[in-house]
Amino acid sequence: MASKARIEFVSDGFYQILNSQKIADLCKTQANRIASKAGDGFEAEPSTWHAGMGGGRVAATAYAGTLEAREAEANEKSLTKAVESCRA
């Protein structure tokens, strides 16, 4: 009969990983990849995501930076399609 395993997570370790420069670079790279795949007028920038509990962590945002890009997202879902195609 299988015995139960107990796993104990160390919150400080997760916090250090989620706020590391390597993860920040990974987020920035992925946001740039999505923005460039979406087309002209789409941009990416790093940011810090703030959760309601437990503080913030690094993140990046891809967004429509021009009127033409906003229209492309509204009419053709350019950014949405880029996100879907860039999933790992």
PDB file of N, CA and C in Angstrom:
ATOM      1  N   MET A   1       0.840  -1.178   0.000  1.00  0.00           N
ATOM      2  CA  MET A   1       0.000   0.000   0.000  1.00  0.00           C
ATOM      3  C   MET A   1       0.889   1.245   0.000  1.00  0.00           C
ATOM      4  N   ALA A   2       0.508   2.234  -0.762  1.00  0.00           N
ATOM      5  CA  ALA A   2       1.301   3.462  -0.878  1.00  0.00           C
ATOM      6  C   ALA A   2       1.191   4.294   0.392  1.00  0.00           C
ATOM      7  N   SER A   3       2.310   4.884   0.763  1.00  0.00           N
ATOM      8  CA  SER A   3       2.278   5.765   1.932  1.00  0.00           C
ATOM      9  C   SER A   3       2.145   7.203   1.459  1.00  0.00           C
ATOM     10  N   LYS A   4       1.646   8.063   2.327  1.00  0.00           N
ATOM     11  CA  LYS A   4       1.462   9.466   1.983  1.00  0.00           C
ATOM     12  C   LYS A   4       2.786  10.208   2.119  1.00  0.00           C
ATOM     13  N   ALA A   5       3.063  11.042   1.152  1.00  0.00           N
ATOM     14  CA  ALA A   5       4.278  11.863   1.192  1.00  0.00           C
ATOM     15  C   ALA A   5       3.891  13.257   1.660  1.00  0.00           C
ATOM     16  N   ARG A   6       4.762  13.864   2.408  1.00  0.00           N
ATOM     17  CA  ARG A   6       4.513  15.227   2.891  1.00  0.00           C
ATOM     18  C   ARG A   6       5.530  16.146   2.233  1.00  0.00           C
ATOM     19  N   ILE A   7       5.018  17.187   1.586  1.00  0.00           N
ATOM     20  CA  ILE A   7       5.877  18.172   0.939  1.00  0.00           C
ATOM     21  C   ILE A   7       5.683  19.497   1.657  1.00  0.00           C
ATOM     22  N   GLU A   8       6.786  20.081   2.053  1.00  0.00           N
ATOM     23  CA  GLU A   8       6.727  21.372   2.739  1.00  0.00           C
ATOM     24  C   GLU A   8       7.424  22.408   1.863  1.00  0.00           C
ATOM     25  N   PHE A   9       6.678  23.427   1.470  1.00  0.00           N
ATOM     26  CA  PHE A   9       7.224  24.481   0.629  1.00  0.00           C
ATOM     27  C   PHE A   9       7.825  25.577   1.495  1.00  0.00           C
ATOM     28  N   VAL A  10       8.921  26.121   1.029  1.00  0.00           N
ATOM     29  CA  VAL A  10       9.587  27.217   1.726  1.00  0.00           C
ATOM     30  C   VAL A  10       9.240  28.501   0.983  1.00  0.00           C
ATOM     31  N   SER A  11       8.388  29.323   1.571  1.00  0.00           N
ATOM     32  CA  SER A  11       7.906  30.530   0.909  1.00  0.00           C
ATOM     33  C   SER A  11       9.029  31.468   0.489  1.00  0.00           C
ATOM     34  N   ASP A  12      10.057  31.602   1.321  1.00  0.00           N
ATOM     35  CA  ASP A  12      11.155  32.500   0.981  1.00  0.00           C
ATOM     36  C   ASP A  12      11.850  32.053  -0.300  1.00  0.00           C
ATOM     37  N   GLY A  13      11.953  30.765  -0.503  1.00  0.00           N
ATOM     38  CA  GLY A  13      12.579  30.242  -1.709  1.00  0.00           C
ATOM     39  C   GLY A  13      11.767  30.577  -2.949  1.00  0.00           C
ATOM     40  N   PHE A  14      10.440  30.424  -2.876  1.00  0.00           N
ATOM     41  CA  PHE A  14       9.585  30.791  -3.996  1.00  0.00           C
ATOM     42  C   PHE A  14       9.685  32.290  -4.277  1.00  0.00           C
ATOM     43  N   TYR A  15       9.680  33.071  -3.233  1.00  0.00           N
ATOM     44  CA  TYR A  15       9.769  34.530  -3.376  1.00  0.00           C
ATOM     45  C   TYR A  15      11.067  34.917  -4.085  1.00  0.00           C
ATOM     46  N   GLN A  16      12.160  34.306  -3.704  1.00  0.00           N
ATOM     47  CA  GLN A  16      13.449  34.616  -4.323  1.00  0.00           C
ATOM     48  C   GLN A  16      13.464  34.228  -5.801  1.00  0.00           C
ATOM     49  N   ILE A  17      12.879  33.090  -6.126  1.00  0.00           N
ATOM     50  CA  ILE A  17      12.826  32.659  -7.524  1.00  0.00           C
ATOM     51  C   ILE A  17      11.944  33.595  -8.343  1.00  0.00           C
ATOM     52  N   LEU A  18      10.738  33.894  -7.842  1.00  0.00           N
ATOM     53  CA  LEU A  18       9.797  34.724  -8.593  1.00  0.00           C
ATOM     54  C   LEU A  18      10.280  36.160  -8.760  1.00  0.00           C
ATOM     55  N   ASN A  19      11.197  36.608  -7.936  1.00  0.00           N
ATOM     56  CA  ASN A  19      11.716  37.966  -8.029  1.00  0.00           C
ATOM     57  C   ASN A  19      13.148  38.018  -8.532  1.00  0.00           C
ATOM     58  N   SER A  20      13.629  36.917  -9.072  1.00  0.00           N
ATOM     59  CA  SER A  20      15.011  36.875  -9.547  1.00  0.00           C
ATOM     60  C   SER A  20      15.151  37.583 -10.892  1.00  0.00           C
ATOM     61  N   GLN A  21      16.368  37.976 -11.209  1.00  0.00           N
ATOM     62  CA  GLN A  21      16.650  38.642 -12.482  1.00  0.00           C
ATOM     63  C   GLN A  21      16.406  37.700 -13.654  1.00  0.00           C
ATOM     64  N   LYS A  22      16.651  36.422 -13.453  1.00  0.00           N
ATOM     65  CA  LYS A  22      16.444  35.442 -14.519  1.00  0.00           C
ATOM     66  C   LYS A  22      14.964  35.376 -14.910  1.00  0.00           C
ATOM     67  N   ILE A  23      14.076  35.388 -13.945  1.00  0.00           N
ATOM     68  CA  ILE A  23      12.642  35.364 -14.231  1.00  0.00           C
ATOM     69  C   ILE A  23      12.209  36.693 -14.845  1.00  0.00           C
ATOM     70  N   ALA A  24      12.764  37.804 -14.381  1.00  0.00           N
ATOM     71  CA  ALA A  24      12.454  39.117 -14.967  1.00  0.00           C
ATOM     72  C   ALA A  24      12.854  39.147 -16.436  1.00  0.00           C
ATOM     73  N   ASP A  25      14.024  38.619 -16.755  1.00  0.00           N
ATOM     74  CA  ASP A  25      14.488  38.573 -18.137  1.00  0.00           C
ATOM     75  C   ASP A  25      13.599  37.667 -18.986  1.00  0.00           C
ATOM     76  N   LEU A  26      13.178  36.551 -18.424  1.00  0.00           N
ATOM     77  CA  LEU A  26      12.296  35.628 -19.130  1.00  0.00           C
ATOM     78  C   LEU A  26      10.951  36.288 -19.439  1.00  0.00           C
ATOM     79  N   CYS A  27      10.387  36.994 -18.475  1.00  0.00           N
ATOM     80  CA  CYS A  27       9.116  37.701 -18.677  1.00  0.00           C
ATOM     81  C   CYS A  27       9.256  38.774 -19.753  1.00  0.00           C
ATOM     82  N   LYS A  28      10.346  39.533 -19.689  1.00  0.00           N
ATOM     83  CA  LYS A  28      10.581  40.598 -20.661  1.00  0.00           C
ATOM     84  C   LYS A  28      10.751  40.022 -22.068  1.00  0.00           C
ATOM     85  N   THR A  29      11.496  38.945 -22.196  1.00  0.00           N
ATOM     86  CA  THR A  29      11.708  38.294 -23.486  1.00  0.00           C
ATOM     87  C   THR A  29      10.390  37.804 -24.073  1.00  0.00           C
ATOM     88  N   GLN A  30       9.572  37.178 -23.251  1.00  0.00           N
ATOM     89  CA  GLN A  30       8.298  36.654 -23.730  1.00  0.00           C
ATOM     90  C   GLN A  30       7.357  37.787 -24.132  1.00  0.00           C
ATOM     91  N   ALA A  31       7.307  38.867 -23.364  1.00  0.00           N
ATOM     92  CA  ALA A  31       6.452  40.005 -23.711  1.00  0.00           C
ATOM     93  C   ALA A  31       6.906  40.643 -25.022  1.00  0.00           C
ATOM     94  N   ASN A  32       8.213  40.784 -25.219  1.00  0.00           N
ATOM     95  CA  ASN A  32       8.740  41.323 -26.475  1.00  0.00           C
ATOM     96  C   ASN A  32       8.391  40.415 -27.647  1.00  0.00           C
ATOM     97  N   ARG A  33       8.484  39.121 -27.431  1.00  0.00           N
ATOM     98  CA  ARG A  33       8.160  38.148 -28.473  1.00  0.00           C
ATOM     99  C   ARG A  33       6.684  38.264 -28.874  1.00  0.00           C
ATOM    100  N   ILE A  34       5.808  38.384 -27.908  1.00  0.00           N
ATOM    101  CA  ILE A  34       4.379  38.512 -28.168  1.00  0.00           C
ATOM    102  C   ILE A  34       4.082  39.822 -28.896  1.00  0.00           C
ATOM    103  N   ALA A  35       4.659  40.920 -28.422  1.00  0.00           N
ATOM    104  CA  ALA A  35       4.415  42.230 -29.036  1.00  0.00           C
ATOM    105  C   ALA A  35       4.895  42.258 -30.480  1.00  0.00           C
ATOM    106  N   SER A  36       6.058  41.694 -30.745  1.00  0.00           N
ATOM    107  CA  SER A  36       6.568  41.714 -32.119  1.00  0.00           C
ATOM    108  C   SER A  36       5.743  40.806 -33.028  1.00  0.00           C
ATOM    109  N   LYS A  37       5.253  39.701 -32.491  1.00  0.00           N
ATOM    110  CA  LYS A  37       4.422  38.799 -33.288  1.00  0.00           C
ATOM    111  C   LYS A  37       3.053  39.413 -33.580  1.00  0.00           C
ATOM    112  N   ALA A  38       2.561  40.271 -32.682  1.00  0.00           N
ATOM    113  CA  ALA A  38       1.254  40.909 -32.869  1.00  0.00           C
ATOM    114  C   ALA A  38       1.290  41.934 -33.993  1.00  0.00           C
ATOM    115  N   GLY A  39       2.444  42.573 -34.209  1.00  0.00           N
ATOM    116  CA  GLY A  39       2.571  43.506 -35.322  1.00  0.00           C
ATOM    117  C   GLY A  39       2.963  44.909 -34.899  1.00  0.00           C
ATOM    118  N   ASP A  40       2.900  45.822 -35.864  1.00  0.00           N
ATOM    119  CA  ASP A  40       3.276  47.219 -35.617  1.00  0.00           C
ATOM    120  C   ASP A  40       2.348  47.866 -34.593  1.00  0.00           C
ATOM    121  N   GLY A  41       2.946  48.689 -33.746  1.00  0.00           N
ATOM    122  CA  GLY A  41       2.178  49.428 -32.755  1.00  0.00           C
ATOM    123  C   GLY A  41       2.006  48.718 -31.430  1.00  0.00           C
ATOM    124  N   PHE A  42       2.391  47.451 -31.369  1.00  0.00           N
ATOM    125  CA  PHE A  42       2.305  46.716 -30.107  1.00  0.00           C
ATOM    126  C   PHE A  42       3.645  46.836 -29.400  1.00  0.00           C
ATOM    127  N   GLU A  43       3.610  47.037 -28.098  1.00  0.00           N
ATOM    128  CA  GLU A  43       4.811  47.283 -27.314  1.00  0.00           C
ATOM    129  C   GLU A  43       4.847  46.370 -26.094  1.00  0.00           C
ATOM    130  N   ALA A  44       6.016  46.304 -25.465  1.00  0.00           N
ATOM    131  CA  ALA A  44       6.185  45.506 -24.256  1.00  0.00           C
ATOM    132  C   ALA A  44       6.984  46.308 -23.250  1.00  0.00           C
ATOM    133  N   GLU A  45       6.687  46.105 -21.992  1.00  0.00           N
ATOM    134  CA  GLU A  45       7.466  46.751 -20.933  1.00  0.00           C
ATOM    135  C   GLU A  45       7.442  45.898 -19.675  1.00  0.00           C
ATOM    136  N   PRO A  46       8.546  45.923 -18.923  1.00  0.00           N
ATOM    137  CA  PRO A  46       8.577  45.184 -17.655  1.00  0.00           C
ATOM    138  C   PRO A  46       7.736  45.916 -16.619  1.00  0.00           C
ATOM    139  N   SER A  47       7.223  45.174 -15.659  1.00  0.00           N
ATOM    140  CA  SER A  47       6.437  45.773 -14.584  1.00  0.00           C
ATOM    141  C   SER A  47       6.556  44.892 -13.350  1.00  0.00           C
ATOM    142  N   THR A  48       6.004  45.367 -12.269  1.00  0.00           N
ATOM    143  CA  THR A  48       5.930  44.567 -11.051  1.00  0.00           C
ATOM    144  C   THR A  48       4.468  44.302 -10.776  1.00  0.00           C
ATOM    145  N   TRP A  49       4.133  43.056 -10.641  1.00  0.00           N
ATOM    146  CA  TRP A  49       2.763  42.645 -10.385  1.00  0.00           C
ATOM    147  C   TRP A  49       2.550  42.600  -8.886  1.00  0.00           C
ATOM    148  N   HIS A  50       1.490  43.237  -8.403  1.00  0.00           N
ATOM    149  CA  HIS A  50       1.201  43.264  -6.970  1.00  0.00           C
ATOM    150  C   HIS A  50      -0.025  42.411  -6.676  1.00  0.00           C
ATOM    151  N   ALA A  51       0.193  41.402  -5.896  1.00  0.00           N
ATOM    152  CA  ALA A  51      -0.915  40.549  -5.481  1.00  0.00           C
ATOM    153  C   ALA A  51      -1.553  41.135  -4.230  1.00  0.00           C
ATOM    154  N   GLY A  52      -2.786  40.775  -3.970  1.00  0.00           N
ATOM    155  CA  GLY A  52      -3.471  41.252  -2.782  1.00  0.00           C
ATOM    156  C   GLY A  52      -2.799  40.750  -1.513  1.00  0.00           C
ATOM    157  N   MET A  53      -2.243  39.573  -1.578  1.00  0.00           N
ATOM    158  CA  MET A  53      -1.568  38.988  -0.421  1.00  0.00           C
ATOM    159  C   MET A  53      -0.179  38.548  -0.861  1.00  0.00           C
ATOM    160  N   GLY A  54       0.799  38.750  -0.063  1.00  0.00           N
ATOM    161  CA  GLY A  54       2.119  38.202  -0.324  1.00  0.00           C
ATOM    162  C   GLY A  54       3.057  39.089  -1.117  1.00  0.00           C
ATOM    163  N   GLY A  55       2.670  40.295  -1.450  1.00  0.00           N
ATOM    164  CA  GLY A  55       3.586  41.196  -2.130  1.00  0.00           C
ATOM    165  C   GLY A  55       3.609  41.026  -3.632  1.00  0.00           C
ATOM    166  N   GLY A  56       4.567  41.670  -4.269  1.00  0.00           N
ATOM    167  CA  GLY A  56       4.640  41.671  -5.724  1.00  0.00           C
ATOM    168  C   GLY A  56       5.657  40.691  -6.257  1.00  0.00           C
ATOM    169  N   ARG A  57       5.638  40.566  -7.561  1.00  0.00           N
ATOM    170  CA  ARG A  57       6.643  39.766  -8.248  1.00  0.00           C
ATOM    171  C   ARG A  57       6.861  40.388  -9.618  1.00  0.00           C
ATOM    172  N   VAL A  58       7.935  40.007 -10.255  1.00  0.00           N
ATOM    173  CA  VAL A  58       8.242  40.577 -11.556  1.00  0.00           C
ATOM    174  C   VAL A  58       7.247  40.071 -12.602  1.00  0.00           C
ATOM    175  N   ALA A  59       7.032  40.883 -13.618  1.00  0.00           N
ATOM    176  CA  ALA A  59       6.132  40.532 -14.713  1.00  0.00           C
ATOM    177  C   ALA A  59       6.490  41.412 -15.895  1.00  0.00           C
ATOM    178  N   ALA A  60       5.825  41.217 -16.996  1.00  0.00           N
ATOM    179  CA  ALA A  60       5.984  42.081 -18.162  1.00  0.00           C
ATOM    180  C   ALA A  60       4.634  42.161 -18.857  1.00  0.00           C
ATOM    181  N   THR A  61       4.437  43.250 -19.581  1.00  0.00           N
ATOM    182  CA  THR A  61       3.162  43.500 -20.229  1.00  0.00           C
ATOM    183  C   THR A  61       3.368  43.746 -21.708  1.00  0.00           C
ATOM    184  N   ALA A  62       2.552  43.112 -22.535  1.00  0.00           N
ATOM    185  CA  ALA A  62       2.492  43.416 -23.963  1.00  0.00           C
ATOM    186  C   ALA A  62       1.159  44.113 -24.183  1.00  0.00           C
ATOM    187  N   TYR A  63       1.179  45.225 -24.910  1.00  0.00           N
ATOM    188  CA  TYR A  63      -0.048  46.007 -25.055  1.00  0.00           C
ATOM    189  C   TYR A  63      -0.060  46.744 -26.395  1.00  0.00           C
ATOM    190  N   ALA A  64      -1.250  47.205 -26.770  1.00  0.00           N
ATOM    191  CA  ALA A  64      -1.417  47.996 -27.986  1.00  0.00           C
ATOM    192  C   ALA A  64      -1.051  49.439 -27.654  1.00  0.00           C
ATOM    193  N   GLY A  65       0.033  49.929 -28.250  1.00  0.00           N
ATOM    194  CA  GLY A  65       0.543  51.251 -27.916  1.00  0.00           C
ATOM    195  C   GLY A  65       0.071  52.365 -28.834  1.00  0.00           C
ATOM    196  N   THR A  66      -0.583  52.024 -29.921  1.00  0.00           N
ATOM    197  CA  THR A  66      -1.057  53.049 -30.846  1.00  0.00           C
ATOM    198  C   THR A  66      -2.538  52.810 -31.146  1.00  0.00           C
ATOM    199  N   LEU A  67      -3.161  53.823 -31.724  1.00  0.00           N
ATOM    200  CA  LEU A  67      -4.565  53.702 -32.100  1.00  0.00           C
ATOM    201  C   LEU A  67      -4.755  52.570 -33.111  1.00  0.00           C
ATOM    202  N   GLU A  68      -3.847  52.477 -34.077  1.00  0.00           N
ATOM    203  CA  GLU A  68      -3.946  51.421 -35.084  1.00  0.00           C
ATOM    204  C   GLU A  68      -3.840  50.033 -34.453  1.00  0.00           C
ATOM    205  N   ALA A  69      -2.961  49.907 -33.474  1.00  0.00           N
ATOM    206  CA  ALA A  69      -2.802  48.622 -32.791  1.00  0.00           C
ATOM    207  C   ALA A  69      -4.049  48.289 -31.964  1.00  0.00           C
ATOM    208  N   ARG A  70      -4.619  49.292 -31.313  1.00  0.00           N
ATOM    209  CA  ARG A  70      -5.858  49.058 -30.552  1.00  0.00           C
ATOM    210  C   ARG A  70      -6.987  48.614 -31.488  1.00  0.00           C
ATOM    211  N   GLU A  71      -7.059  49.238 -32.668  1.00  0.00           N
ATOM    212  CA  GLU A  71      -8.069  48.834 -33.645  1.00  0.00           C
ATOM    213  C   GLU A  71      -7.807  47.413 -34.151  1.00  0.00           C
ATOM    214  N   ALA A  72      -6.532  47.079 -34.373  1.00  0.00           N
ATOM    215  CA  ALA A  72      -6.183  45.722 -34.818  1.00  0.00           C
ATOM    216  C   ALA A  72      -6.580  44.691 -33.772  1.00  0.00           C
ATOM    217  N   GLU A  73      -6.401  45.019 -32.508  1.00  0.00           N
ATOM    218  CA  GLU A  73      -6.810  44.094 -31.451  1.00  0.00           C
ATOM    219  C   GLU A  73      -8.329  44.003 -31.382  1.00  0.00           C
ATOM    220  N   ALA A  74      -9.012  45.128 -31.496  1.00  0.00           N
ATOM    221  CA  ALA A  74     -10.473  45.123 -31.418  1.00  0.00           C
ATOM    222  C   ALA A  74     -11.104  44.370 -32.587  1.00  0.00           C
ATOM    223  N   ASN A  75     -10.577  44.561 -33.774  1.00  0.00           N
ATOM    224  CA  ASN A  75     -11.185  43.975 -34.972  1.00  0.00           C
ATOM    225  C   ASN A  75     -10.641  42.601 -35.338  1.00  0.00           C
ATOM    226  N   GLU A  76      -9.346  42.395 -35.142  1.00  0.00           N
ATOM    227  CA  GLU A  76      -8.711  41.158 -35.608  1.00  0.00           C
ATOM    228  C   GLU A  76      -8.136  40.294 -34.490  1.00  0.00           C
ATOM    229  N   LYS A  77      -8.156  40.814 -33.268  1.00  0.00           N
ATOM    230  CA  LYS A  77      -7.600  40.092 -32.107  1.00  0.00           C
ATOM    231  C   LYS A  77      -6.123  39.765 -32.309  1.00  0.00           C
ATOM    232  N   SER A  78      -5.364  40.734 -32.829  1.00  0.00           N
ATOM    233  CA  SER A  78      -3.944  40.523 -33.141  1.00  0.00           C
ATOM    234  C   SER A  78      -3.128  40.130 -31.920  1.00  0.00           C
ATOM    235  N   LEU A  79      -3.297  40.847 -30.825  1.00  0.00           N
ATOM    236  CA  LEU A  79      -2.527  40.555 -29.611  1.00  0.00           C
ATOM    237  C   LEU A  79      -2.965  39.238 -28.995  1.00  0.00           C
ATOM    238  N   THR A  80      -4.254  39.000 -28.976  1.00  0.00           N
ATOM    239  CA  THR A  80      -4.784  37.742 -28.427  1.00  0.00           C
ATOM    240  C   THR A  80      -4.227  36.540 -29.195  1.00  0.00           C
ATOM    241  N   LYS A  81      -4.204  36.640 -30.525  1.00  0.00           N
ATOM    242  CA  LYS A  81      -3.664  35.557 -31.342  1.00  0.00           C
ATOM    243  C   LYS A  81      -2.170  35.372 -31.113  1.00  0.00           C
ATOM    244  N   ALA A  82      -1.452  36.486 -30.905  1.00  0.00           N
ATOM    245  CA  ALA A  82      -0.011  36.404 -30.650  1.00  0.00           C
ATOM    246  C   ALA A  82       0.264  35.699 -29.325  1.00  0.00           C
ATOM    247  N   VAL A  83      -0.540  35.994 -28.317  1.00  0.00           N
ATOM    248  CA  VAL A  83      -0.387  35.325 -27.016  1.00  0.00           C
ATOM    249  C   VAL A  83      -0.623  33.827 -27.170  1.00  0.00           C
ATOM    250  N   GLU A  84      -1.682  33.480 -27.867  1.00  0.00           N
ATOM    251  CA  GLU A  84      -2.013  32.067 -28.053  1.00  0.00           C
ATOM    252  C   GLU A  84      -0.930  31.325 -28.835  1.00  0.00           C
ATOM    253  N   SER A  85      -0.342  31.990 -29.821  1.00  0.00           N
ATOM    254  CA  SER A  85       0.681  31.316 -30.632  1.00  0.00           C
ATOM    255  C   SER A  85       2.028  31.227 -29.936  1.00  0.00           C
ATOM    256  N   CYS A  86       2.251  32.046 -28.910  1.00  0.00           N
ATOM    257  CA  CYS A  86       3.541  32.050 -28.203  1.00  0.00           C
ATOM    258  C   CYS A  86       3.527  31.219 -26.931  1.00  0.00           C
ATOM    259  N   ARG A  87       2.446  30.530 -26.666  1.00  0.00           N
ATOM    260  CA  ARG A  87       2.394  29.697 -25.455  1.00  0.00           C
ATOM    261  C   ARG A  87       3.473  28.637 -25.522  1.00  0.00           C
ATOM    262  N   ALA A  88       4.109  28.434 -24.397  1.00  0.00           N
ATOM    263  CA  ALA A  88       5.213  27.465 -24.339  1.00  0.00           C
ATOM    264  C   ALA A  88       4.706  26.039 -24.238  1.00  0.00           C
TER     265      ALA A  88
END
